[in-house]
Structures are given as C-alpha cells and as structure tokens.
Amino acid sequence: MEGFTIIKQSHTASVGLTKASPEVHEALRAKGIDPDRLSVTTLGFGSHKATIPRWLVRMGFGIALSALLHLTRYFQLEIPLYLSAMLALVVGLIILQAACEVLVIAAERLAERYKWNHYIAGTLAEILATIPELVVIGFLIPVSPATAFVICIVTIYNNALVFSLYSFFLPKDKQGKFLMPTPITEAGTQILIGGGSMGLILGLVMLTFHSSGGAKSSFHHLDLVFISVVLLTIFSVYVYKLITSYAEEEAEVRATLSMSDEDVKQRLDMVYQNVKPSSRSSIALLFFAGLLGAIIGGEEVSSFATTMIAELEFNPILTAMILALFAGMSEYVILWQSHKKQEYGIALANAFGGITQVMFLVLPFTLLGIALYEMTTDSVHEELPLQFSLSSIFLLLFLFPTFYTLASLLEEDHTLGVLDTTIMTGIITFVIVLLLAYGV
C-alpha cells in the first residue's frame, strides 16, 4: 500500500509532464482543464554532467580567435577587408551563442536555488538570453543608429517566420493539430495585436510627415524616449499577466488533484532534475562569464558592421539584414535543444518570445540607446536624428499585417497549417523584397 501511494503521488506531481498517468489527466479534463496545454516543462539539458561545459569550450575558442584578430590589427597585417569583416562576424557569433547559453544556465540555477516555479524561471531565462543582443545593439549604435534600428525590426520578422515554420512542422494529433500552450493563445494574441497596432500608428505618422514635406522629418530624442517607455510598460504588464496566469493555472491544478506538499515538492524536483544545484558565488560567476562573452562578441560584431558600412560602403540595409539573420541564432539553438527533448511547449514559447521580446524589449532599448547617444555625444552623427526613411516606414507599417495575420491564425488555439505558414512566408518575403528594392 505504501508503494502504491508513492506511485500515485509521482503521477499526480507529474501532471502536464510525460510521466503522468492517463487517469490523472482525465480528472483534470473532467474539471475543464486541458492537460495537453498546461505550461509545465523541465528545465536544463543535463550539460552540467560533462567534465568541461560545452559553452566554456566554445567561448574559450571564440575568445582565442578574437585575440588573434586583435593581434592582426595591432601589427597591421594585410588581410582583405571582406575577409576581416567575415572573420569578425563568425568569431562574434561563436562567443555570443556561448554567452547566451551560459546566461540561460545561470538563470535556471538561480531559479533552482530559490525553488521558483518553472514559468518564472523560463521567463527570466528568455529575458536574460536577450542580453547579448542588447550588447550588440549598444556597440552598433555609435557605428550606425539606423542600422541598429533596422536590425531590431527585421529580427522580429525573422522570428515570426521561424515561429510559423516550426509550428507547421510540429507533430500533430489525429485531427492534424498541435494545441498551443495557453499563454501563447491568450496573452500572446493580445500582445501581437498591440504590437501590430503600435507599428501601424508609428508608420502612418512617419508616412504622413514624410509625404507632406512638413518641418518634421525625423524622430526627436524625446520622441524615442516616449515610444520606449510605452513599449516597456506594455512588456512589463505582459510579463506580469503571464506569471499571474500561470500561478492561477497551477493553483487550479493543485486544488483539482488535491496535491499534498510532498506532491508539490516532487513537481519542483522534476522541473529542476537537469539543473545543477549551485552556490551564489557560482551563479554570480556564470552571470559574469555571460556578460563578458556578450561584450567581447558584441565588439567583434560591431567591427564587422564598421568595416562593411564605413570602410567598404556596403548597402546598410543589406548589412542590417545579414546581422538580423544571425541575431536570433542563440534563440534558435535553444529552440532546437528543447525540440530534441520533445519539450514542444517550451520550444514554441521560446520561438514566440523571440517575437514579443524583440518588439517590446530589444526595440525600446535600441530607441533609448539612440536617444541617449544623441543627447550625450559631442560629435554630430550623419544618421542622427533618426530620419523618417522609406525603410523605417516599410518596416513599421508591415508589422500590422504580420502581427494581425499571426494573431488571427492562432485564434483556433492550434499550430499553423500549410496555408497559414505559406501566408506568413509570403508577407515576410514581400517585406524583404520591398526593403532591398526601395529601402535605401
């Protein structure tokens, strides 16, 4: 009887995970709770079991290559500019990917130490994963504020395309559907509508001033600060709603299944079974390593941008699109790792977070950075103040149809079909072609 009780507790604690029994899931369905859409997952990838962490090997290799590049510059060795730029980009991306991974590991270990629920841990990890991208933007703003702005918006489109494609290729049920996690179809749909509306409003305002030939043809730094505050406020409320919605969902599950304290403890243990318990000093060291890697990698990426735009006079829009293509590599790696674990819910959440976080966190950070640089720099940058250019107008206006279409396709709570994905691909391809043809 005692053994049966332990098994029963394990099954109850595992609800929403692969170890839960069908009987437990049926009890939830009887109360109107869909266990297939519960926001529960395990964190970590068991990488701590290796003698030397993989991220440390990659970061060490990248930093060594960065040191070699600095030596070639110091001794003024003759290397073709294109080759030098591409080497800087590759080295920077190697270091940034490792920095992103170690920051996620640090966030998970911090959450494990304080036994936060997995949703708080996942949200924190996703936000910290954007730090390398923010550092890159910080280095790029003095080089080309317009390029930094374009990179942010193009990254949103890239991530929307990745989300659409990944959603389509997920395994389906008998009805040909894969139910989305509730946070995506509820708060996520709302944030998409809000983001599209913000893009439409800004784009129309810019288009009106641009076409009328009025006195205002650029953003004042106070305009950028105001826009950033609005976007960050929306993001803060969005994160708050996600966390509180999960807390309500979890409380309802525990009440329905009459979970004991031991069940709750087992549930947390399952969430953190692949996360290594760490001391505060170890966690702080991981954060420091991630920040250091972000700074070194960001400097190399900015060196690529400087060479391409300033020295080779390469198309700045195309340069921004190249950087945007690689900007989300760290998120794509995390998505792939989650997919390999068959944690499709967290993989989808990570892909979706790549859209919302760039729009409501990275973009306002970029605008604030441009405003601060404009207010504090002594020299006059040729790209400041930020002009109402065709590329900026195209990018902002097309956010509305992109987000509106994506939100409409998610209304039925399941992943995208072949027609849905084709529509999203067509919209984003249209944006890219317009940018390349008329954006400069």
Protein backbone atom coordinates (compact mmCIF):
# COMPACT_ATOMS: atom_id res chain seq x y z
CA MET A 1 0.00 0.00 0.00
CA GLU A 2 2.85 2.34 0.78
CA GLY A 3 4.44 1.66 -2.62
CA PHE A 4 1.13 2.40 -4.35
CA THR A 5 0.90 5.75 -2.53
CA ILE A 6 4.37 6.76 -3.73
CA ILE A 7 3.49 5.91 -7.34
CA LYS A 8 0.23 7.79 -7.06
CA GLN A 9 1.99 10.86 -5.72
CA SER A 10 4.54 10.68 -8.51
CA HIS A 11 1.80 10.52 -11.14
CA THR A 12 -0.03 13.42 -9.53
CA ALA A 13 3.10 15.53 -9.32
CA SER A 14 3.87 14.75 -12.97
CA VAL A 15 0.63 16.13 -14.38
CA GLY A 16 1.35 18.01 -17.58
CA LEU A 17 4.63 16.09 -17.98
CA THR A 18 5.26 12.81 -19.80
CA LYS A 19 5.27 10.69 -16.60
CA ALA A 20 1.69 11.49 -15.60
CA SER A 21 -0.87 8.69 -15.82
CA PRO A 22 -3.93 8.96 -18.11
CA GLU A 23 -6.20 8.71 -15.03
CA VAL A 24 -4.76 11.90 -13.57
CA HIS A 25 -5.21 13.72 -16.86
CA GLU A 26 -8.81 12.53 -17.09
CA ALA A 27 -9.50 14.01 -13.67
CA LEU A 28 -8.34 17.38 -14.98
CA ARG A 29 -10.41 17.12 -18.14
CA ALA A 30 -13.49 16.43 -16.03
CA LYS A 31 -12.91 19.86 -14.43
CA GLY A 32 -12.47 21.58 -17.80
CA ILE A 33 -8.64 21.73 -17.66
CA ASP A 34 -6.78 20.54 -20.74
CA PRO A 35 -3.60 18.77 -19.51
CA ASP A 36 -2.10 18.88 -23.00
CA ARG A 37 -1.95 22.67 -22.79
CA LEU A 38 -0.53 23.02 -19.28
CA SER A 39 2.53 25.26 -19.14
CA VAL A 40 4.75 22.68 -17.46
CA THR A 41 8.18 21.59 -18.60
CA THR A 42 11.56 20.54 -17.31
CA LEU A 43 14.47 22.97 -17.32
CA GLY A 44 18.10 22.39 -18.20
CA PHE A 45 19.69 19.99 -20.63
CA GLY A 46 21.93 17.97 -18.35
CA SER A 47 25.02 19.71 -19.73
CA HIS A 48 26.45 20.02 -16.21
CA LYS A 49 27.19 16.28 -16.28
CA ALA A 50 30.07 16.90 -18.70
CA THR A 51 33.55 17.41 -17.23
CA ILE A 52 34.04 20.63 -19.18
CA PRO A 53 30.86 22.56 -20.11
CA ARG A 54 30.31 22.85 -23.85
CA TRP A 55 29.64 26.56 -23.57
CA LEU A 56 33.04 27.07 -21.94
CA VAL A 57 34.80 25.26 -24.79
CA ARG A 58 33.01 27.38 -27.41
CA MET A 59 33.56 30.63 -25.54
CA GLY A 60 37.23 29.87 -24.94
CA PHE A 61 37.70 29.01 -28.62
CA GLY A 62 35.91 32.20 -29.69
CA ILE A 63 37.91 34.42 -27.32
CA ALA A 64 41.16 32.87 -28.56
CA LEU A 65 40.18 33.66 -32.16
CA SER A 66 39.20 37.19 -31.11
CA ALA A 67 42.65 37.66 -29.56
CA LEU A 68 44.25 36.53 -32.84
CA LEU A 69 42.15 39.03 -34.79
CA HIS A 70 43.20 41.83 -32.44
CA LEU A 71 46.85 40.84 -32.93
CA THR A 72 46.50 41.05 -36.72
CA ARG A 73 45.01 44.54 -36.36
CA TYR A 74 47.68 45.62 -33.88
CA PHE A 75 50.53 44.51 -36.15
CA GLN A 76 48.63 45.84 -39.20
CA LEU A 77 48.85 42.57 -41.11
CA GLU A 78 47.38 42.84 -44.58
CA ILE A 79 44.09 40.94 -44.66
CA PRO A 80 41.37 41.67 -47.25
CA LEU A 81 38.65 43.80 -45.68
CA TYR A 82 35.85 41.42 -46.67
CA LEU A 83 37.71 38.50 -45.09
CA SER A 84 38.47 40.50 -41.95
CA ALA A 85 34.82 41.50 -41.62
CA MET A 86 33.52 37.96 -42.09
CA LEU A 87 36.02 36.57 -39.56
CA ALA A 88 34.91 39.18 -37.03
CA LEU A 89 31.25 38.22 -37.61
CA VAL A 90 31.89 34.50 -37.23
CA VAL A 91 34.03 34.93 -34.11
CA GLY A 92 31.48 37.30 -32.58
CA LEU A 93 28.62 34.87 -33.20
CA ILE A 94 30.53 31.95 -31.66
CA ILE A 95 31.14 33.95 -28.48
CA LEU A 96 27.61 35.40 -28.35
CA GLN A 97 25.97 31.98 -28.69
CA ALA A 98 28.05 30.65 -25.80
CA ALA A 99 27.29 33.79 -23.75
CA CYS A 100 23.56 33.33 -24.34
CA GLU A 101 23.72 29.69 -23.24
CA VAL A 102 25.64 30.44 -20.03
CA LEU A 103 23.19 33.23 -19.11
CA VAL A 104 20.28 30.80 -19.51
CA ILE A 105 22.12 28.24 -17.35
CA ALA A 106 22.76 30.90 -14.70
CA ALA A 107 19.06 31.88 -14.68
CA GLU A 108 17.97 28.25 -14.30
CA ARG A 109 20.41 27.62 -11.45
CA LEU A 110 19.25 30.79 -9.71
CA ALA A 111 15.64 29.62 -10.04
CA GLU A 112 16.58 26.16 -8.75
CA ARG A 113 18.31 27.62 -5.72
CA TYR A 114 15.23 29.62 -4.72
CA LYS A 115 12.74 26.98 -5.98
CA TRP A 116 10.84 29.34 -8.24
CA ASN A 117 8.22 27.75 -10.45
CA HIS A 118 9.37 26.85 -13.93
CA TYR A 119 7.41 29.62 -15.61
CA ILE A 120 9.18 32.37 -13.68
CA ALA A 121 12.47 30.60 -14.39
CA GLY A 122 11.68 30.28 -18.10
CA THR A 123 10.60 33.92 -18.39
CA LEU A 124 13.76 35.10 -16.61
CA ALA A 125 15.93 32.91 -18.84
CA GLU A 126 14.29 34.25 -22.00
CA ILE A 127 14.83 37.85 -20.91
CA LEU A 128 18.46 37.23 -19.94
CA ALA A 129 19.03 35.48 -23.28
CA THR A 130 18.48 38.85 -24.96
CA ILE A 131 21.43 40.45 -23.12
CA PRO A 132 23.99 39.51 -25.83
CA GLU A 133 21.67 41.03 -28.42
CA LEU A 134 21.32 44.21 -26.36
CA VAL A 135 25.11 44.47 -26.04
CA VAL A 136 25.50 44.10 -29.81
CA ILE A 137 22.95 46.89 -30.31
CA GLY A 138 24.86 49.05 -27.82
CA PHE A 139 28.06 48.64 -29.85
CA LEU A 140 26.26 49.24 -33.17
CA ILE A 141 24.51 52.49 -32.26
CA PRO A 142 27.69 54.67 -32.49
CA VAL A 143 28.53 52.98 -35.81
CA SER A 144 25.09 53.32 -37.44
CA PRO A 145 21.94 54.16 -35.43
CA ALA A 146 19.75 53.49 -38.47
CA THR A 147 21.30 50.03 -38.92
CA ALA A 148 20.69 49.21 -35.25
CA PHE A 149 17.02 50.19 -35.67
CA VAL A 150 16.60 48.14 -38.86
CA ILE A 151 18.23 45.09 -37.25
CA CYS A 152 15.64 45.12 -34.45
CA ILE A 153 12.62 45.25 -36.75
CA VAL A 154 13.98 42.73 -39.27
CA THR A 155 14.74 40.34 -36.39
CA ILE A 156 11.03 40.48 -35.47
CA TYR A 157 10.11 39.35 -38.98
CA ASN A 158 12.76 36.63 -38.94
CA ASN A 159 11.48 35.29 -35.61
CA ALA A 160 7.88 35.42 -36.84
CA LEU A 161 8.92 33.30 -39.83
CA VAL A 162 10.80 30.84 -37.60
CA PHE A 163 7.75 30.54 -35.33
CA SER A 164 5.48 29.90 -38.31
CA LEU A 165 7.76 27.28 -39.85
CA TYR A 166 8.45 25.50 -36.58
CA SER A 167 4.76 25.50 -35.71
CA PHE A 168 3.92 23.87 -39.03
CA PHE A 169 6.45 21.05 -38.66
CA LEU A 170 5.42 20.05 -35.13
CA PRO A 171 3.93 16.57 -34.65
CA LYS A 172 0.14 16.67 -34.94
CA ASP A 173 -2.69 14.73 -33.29
CA LYS A 174 -5.33 12.67 -35.12
CA GLN A 175 -7.11 15.85 -36.17
CA GLY A 176 -3.89 17.22 -37.64
CA LYS A 177 -3.41 19.78 -34.88
CA PHE A 178 -0.95 20.54 -32.11
CA LEU A 179 -2.56 22.61 -29.36
CA MET A 180 -0.68 25.76 -28.44
CA PRO A 181 0.22 26.49 -24.81
CA THR A 182 -2.45 28.70 -23.25
CA PRO A 183 -0.11 31.69 -22.61
CA ILE A 184 0.53 31.97 -26.36
CA THR A 185 -3.12 31.88 -27.40
CA GLU A 186 -4.33 34.26 -24.67
CA ALA A 187 -1.85 36.94 -23.56
CA GLY A 188 0.28 36.19 -26.62
CA THR A 189 -2.53 37.00 -29.03
CA GLN A 190 -3.20 40.26 -27.20
CA ILE A 191 0.44 41.32 -27.34
CA LEU A 192 0.54 40.60 -31.07
CA ILE A 193 -2.47 42.84 -31.67
CA GLY A 194 -0.90 45.56 -29.54
CA GLY A 195 2.45 45.31 -31.33
CA GLY A 196 0.84 45.47 -34.75
CA SER A 197 -1.22 48.50 -33.75
CA MET A 198 1.85 50.31 -32.39
CA GLY A 199 3.72 49.64 -35.64
CA LEU A 200 0.78 50.86 -37.72
CA ILE A 201 0.39 54.09 -35.73
CA LEU A 202 4.10 54.94 -35.87
CA GLY A 203 4.34 54.02 -39.54
CA LEU A 204 1.33 56.15 -40.51
CA VAL A 205 2.62 59.14 -38.55
CA MET A 206 6.03 58.84 -40.23
CA LEU A 207 4.43 58.35 -43.65
CA THR A 208 2.24 61.44 -43.19
CA PHE A 209 5.16 63.69 -42.27
CA HIS A 210 7.37 62.13 -44.95
CA SER A 211 4.85 62.64 -47.78
CA SER A 212 3.65 66.10 -46.71
CA GLY A 213 7.10 67.65 -46.80
CA GLY A 214 6.47 69.23 -43.39
CA ALA A 215 9.04 70.60 -41.00
CA LYS A 216 9.22 67.36 -39.01
CA SER A 217 11.12 64.64 -40.88
CA SER A 218 12.84 62.77 -38.06
CA PHE A 219 12.46 61.49 -34.51
CA HIS A 220 13.44 63.89 -31.75
CA HIS A 221 15.24 62.14 -28.91
CA LEU A 222 12.25 62.85 -26.64
CA ASP A 223 10.03 61.06 -29.18
CA LEU A 224 12.24 57.99 -28.89
CA VAL A 225 12.14 58.09 -25.08
CA PHE A 226 8.33 58.38 -25.08
CA ILE A 227 7.90 55.46 -27.51
CA SER A 228 10.32 53.33 -25.49
CA VAL A 229 8.50 53.98 -22.20
CA VAL A 230 5.17 52.96 -23.76
CA LEU A 231 6.62 49.74 -25.23
CA LEU A 232 8.41 48.79 -21.98
CA THR A 233 5.22 49.42 -19.99
CA ILE A 234 3.28 47.08 -22.25
CA PHE A 235 6.02 44.45 -21.91
CA SER A 236 6.01 44.73 -18.10
CA VAL A 237 2.24 44.22 -17.93
CA TYR A 238 2.54 41.32 -20.40
CA VAL A 239 5.14 39.53 -18.27
CA TYR A 240 3.06 40.18 -15.14
CA LYS A 241 -0.01 38.68 -16.80
CA LEU A 242 1.93 35.62 -17.96
CA ILE A 243 3.27 34.91 -14.48
CA THR A 244 -0.03 35.53 -12.68
CA SER A 245 -1.95 33.47 -15.25
CA TYR A 246 0.43 30.57 -14.68
CA ALA A 247 0.03 30.92 -10.91
CA GLU A 248 -3.76 30.73 -11.28
CA GLU A 249 -3.48 27.74 -13.61
CA GLU A 250 -1.13 25.91 -11.24
CA ALA A 251 -3.33 26.68 -8.21
CA GLU A 252 -6.34 25.25 -10.06
CA VAL A 253 -4.45 22.08 -10.95
CA ARG A 254 -3.26 21.58 -7.36
CA ALA A 255 -6.76 22.12 -5.98
CA THR A 256 -8.35 19.74 -8.52
CA LEU A 257 -5.88 16.95 -7.79
CA SER A 258 -5.65 17.72 -4.05
CA MET A 259 -1.88 17.84 -4.23
CA SER A 260 -0.03 17.44 -0.97
CA ASP A 261 3.11 19.35 0.00
CA GLU A 262 5.09 16.28 -1.00
CA ASP A 263 3.45 16.29 -4.45
CA VAL A 264 4.36 19.96 -4.91
CA LYS A 265 7.95 19.27 -3.87
CA GLN A 266 8.18 16.34 -6.29
CA ARG A 267 6.76 18.53 -9.02
CA LEU A 268 9.50 21.13 -8.48
CA ASP A 269 12.15 18.40 -8.30
CA MET A 270 11.02 17.10 -11.70
CA VAL A 271 11.20 20.57 -13.19
CA TYR A 272 14.81 21.02 -11.99
CA GLN A 273 16.04 17.44 -12.39
CA ASN A 274 18.52 18.50 -15.12
CA VAL A 275 19.68 21.68 -13.35
CA LYS A 276 22.78 21.51 -11.17
CA PRO A 277 22.38 22.97 -7.65
CA SER A 278 24.87 25.82 -7.32
CA SER A 279 26.12 28.30 -4.76
CA ARG A 280 25.51 32.04 -5.07
CA SER A 281 29.15 32.62 -5.98
CA SER A 282 28.99 30.02 -8.77
CA ILE A 283 25.82 31.60 -10.17
CA ALA A 284 27.39 35.07 -10.00
CA LEU A 285 30.47 33.74 -11.83
CA LEU A 286 28.23 32.34 -14.58
CA PHE A 287 26.49 35.69 -14.96
CA PHE A 288 29.86 37.42 -15.16
CA ALA A 289 31.10 34.97 -17.82
CA GLY A 290 27.94 35.56 -19.85
CA LEU A 291 28.26 39.33 -19.67
CA LEU A 292 31.97 39.19 -20.53
CA GLY A 293 31.26 36.98 -23.53
CA ALA A 294 28.47 39.31 -24.65
CA ILE A 295 30.83 42.32 -24.53
CA ILE A 296 33.65 40.59 -26.43
CA GLY A 297 31.27 39.09 -29.00
CA GLY A 298 29.38 42.36 -29.38
CA GLU A 299 32.62 44.22 -30.09
CA GLU A 300 33.50 41.76 -32.87
CA VAL A 301 30.07 42.06 -34.47
CA SER A 302 30.29 45.85 -34.35
CA SER A 303 33.71 45.56 -36.03
CA PHE A 304 32.01 43.67 -38.86
CA ALA A 305 29.38 46.41 -39.19
CA THR A 306 32.02 49.16 -39.12
CA THR A 307 34.04 47.52 -41.88
CA MET A 308 31.04 46.81 -44.10
CA ILE A 309 29.30 50.19 -43.74
CA ALA A 310 32.09 52.70 -43.13
CA GLU A 311 35.04 51.22 -44.99
CA LEU A 312 33.52 49.10 -47.76
CA GLU A 313 30.42 51.31 -48.11
CA PHE A 314 28.23 48.21 -48.30
CA ASN A 315 24.45 48.54 -48.53
CA PRO A 316 23.45 49.37 -44.91
CA ILE A 317 20.03 47.74 -45.28
CA LEU A 318 21.58 44.51 -46.54
CA THR A 319 24.19 44.66 -43.78
CA ALA A 320 21.41 45.06 -41.21
CA MET A 321 19.53 42.11 -42.71
CA ILE A 322 22.64 39.92 -42.54
CA LEU A 323 23.15 40.85 -38.89
CA ALA A 324 19.44 40.33 -38.14
CA LEU A 325 19.61 36.87 -39.71
CA PHE A 326 22.30 35.88 -37.23
CA ALA A 327 20.97 37.91 -34.29
CA GLY A 328 18.49 35.21 -33.34
CA MET A 329 20.89 32.27 -33.62
CA SER A 330 21.07 31.79 -29.86
CA GLU A 331 17.29 31.57 -29.59
CA TYR A 332 17.20 29.09 -32.46
CA VAL A 333 19.77 26.90 -30.70
CA ILE A 334 17.66 26.90 -27.51
CA LEU A 335 14.59 26.07 -29.61
CA TRP A 336 16.38 23.11 -31.20
CA GLN A 337 17.62 21.82 -27.83
CA SER A 338 14.06 21.98 -26.44
CA HIS A 339 12.73 20.21 -29.52
CA LYS A 340 15.23 17.37 -29.11
CA LYS A 341 13.91 16.87 -25.58
CA GLN A 342 10.38 16.78 -27.07
CA GLU A 343 9.54 19.80 -24.94
CA TYR A 344 7.47 21.27 -27.73
CA GLY A 345 5.64 23.69 -25.46
CA ILE A 346 8.78 25.45 -24.25
CA ALA A 347 10.24 25.38 -27.77
CA LEU A 348 7.12 27.15 -29.06
CA ALA A 349 7.21 29.58 -26.14
CA ASN A 350 10.85 30.38 -26.91
CA ALA A 351 10.09 30.93 -30.60
CA PHE A 352 7.11 33.13 -29.73
CA GLY A 353 9.16 35.01 -27.14
CA GLY A 354 11.61 35.85 -29.91
CA ILE A 355 8.83 37.93 -31.49
CA THR A 356 7.42 39.64 -28.41
CA GLN A 357 10.70 40.32 -26.62
CA VAL A 358 12.38 41.89 -29.61
CA MET A 359 9.33 44.09 -30.20
CA PHE A 360 8.75 45.17 -26.60
CA LEU A 361 12.21 44.83 -25.01
CA VAL A 362 15.01 44.99 -27.59
CA LEU A 363 13.36 47.68 -29.75
CA PRO A 364 12.70 50.14 -26.88
CA PHE A 365 16.23 49.50 -25.59
CA THR A 366 17.53 50.40 -29.05
CA LEU A 367 15.44 53.57 -29.22
CA LEU A 368 16.56 54.59 -25.73
CA GLY A 369 20.17 53.91 -26.69
CA ILE A 370 19.86 56.07 -29.81
CA ALA A 371 18.22 58.87 -27.78
CA LEU A 372 20.92 58.71 -25.10
CA TYR A 373 23.70 58.69 -27.70
CA GLU A 374 22.12 61.69 -29.46
CA MET A 375 21.80 63.63 -26.20
CA THR A 376 25.28 62.91 -24.84
CA THR A 377 27.62 62.69 -27.82
CA ASP A 378 29.66 65.76 -28.71
CA SER A 379 30.06 64.90 -32.38
CA VAL A 380 27.20 65.10 -34.86
CA HIS A 381 26.38 61.72 -36.42
CA GLU A 382 25.21 61.85 -40.04
CA GLU A 383 22.35 59.42 -39.24
CA LEU A 384 21.02 61.48 -36.33
CA PRO A 385 18.34 62.48 -35.74
CA LEU A 386 16.71 59.23 -36.94
CA GLN A 387 15.02 60.06 -40.23
CA PHE A 388 11.54 59.05 -41.44
CA SER A 389 13.08 56.95 -44.22
CA LEU A 390 11.23 54.59 -46.54
CA SER A 391 12.92 51.59 -44.92
CA SER A 392 11.70 52.59 -41.44
CA ILE A 393 8.18 53.30 -42.74
CA PHE A 394 8.01 49.94 -44.56
CA LEU A 395 9.27 48.04 -41.53
CA LEU A 396 6.83 49.61 -39.08
CA LEU A 397 3.75 49.55 -41.34
CA PHE A 398 4.20 45.87 -42.20
CA LEU A 399 4.21 44.94 -38.52
CA PHE A 400 0.43 45.35 -38.50
CA PRO A 401 -0.44 42.83 -41.24
CA THR A 402 2.24 40.45 -39.95
CA PHE A 403 1.07 40.51 -36.32
CA TYR A 404 -2.62 40.69 -37.22
CA THR A 405 -2.34 37.68 -39.53
CA LEU A 406 -0.37 35.69 -36.96
CA ALA A 407 -2.88 36.54 -34.20
CA SER A 408 -5.81 35.59 -36.46
CA LEU A 409 -4.20 32.26 -37.35
CA LEU A 410 -3.69 31.49 -33.66
CA GLU A 411 -7.34 32.11 -32.76
CA GLU A 412 -8.24 28.42 -33.05
CA ASP A 413 -5.58 27.53 -30.45
CA HIS A 414 -3.57 25.21 -32.66
CA THR A 415 -0.40 25.40 -34.68
CA LEU A 416 -0.29 26.69 -38.23
CA GLY A 417 -1.23 24.63 -41.27
CA VAL A 418 0.39 24.68 -44.70
CA LEU A 419 -1.76 27.59 -45.92
CA ASP A 420 -1.12 29.58 -42.71
CA THR A 421 2.63 29.14 -43.00
CA THR A 422 2.59 30.00 -46.70
CA ILE A 423 0.70 33.24 -45.96
CA MET A 424 3.20 34.26 -43.27
CA THR A 425 6.16 33.39 -45.51
CA GLY A 426 4.65 35.45 -48.34
CA ILE A 427 4.16 38.52 -46.14
CA ILE A 428 7.70 38.46 -44.79
CA THR A 429 9.19 37.80 -48.25
CA PHE A 430 7.25 40.81 -49.53
CA VAL A 431 8.75 43.00 -46.78
CA ILE A 432 12.29 41.86 -47.58
CA VAL A 433 11.91 42.45 -51.31
CA LEU A 434 10.50 45.95 -50.72
CA LEU A 435 13.34 46.79 -48.36
CA LEU A 436 16.04 45.65 -50.76
CA ALA A 437 14.42 47.34 -53.74
CA TYR A 438 13.33 50.68 -52.29
CA GLY A 439 14.53 50.92 -48.69
CA VAL A 440 17.93 52.53 -49.19
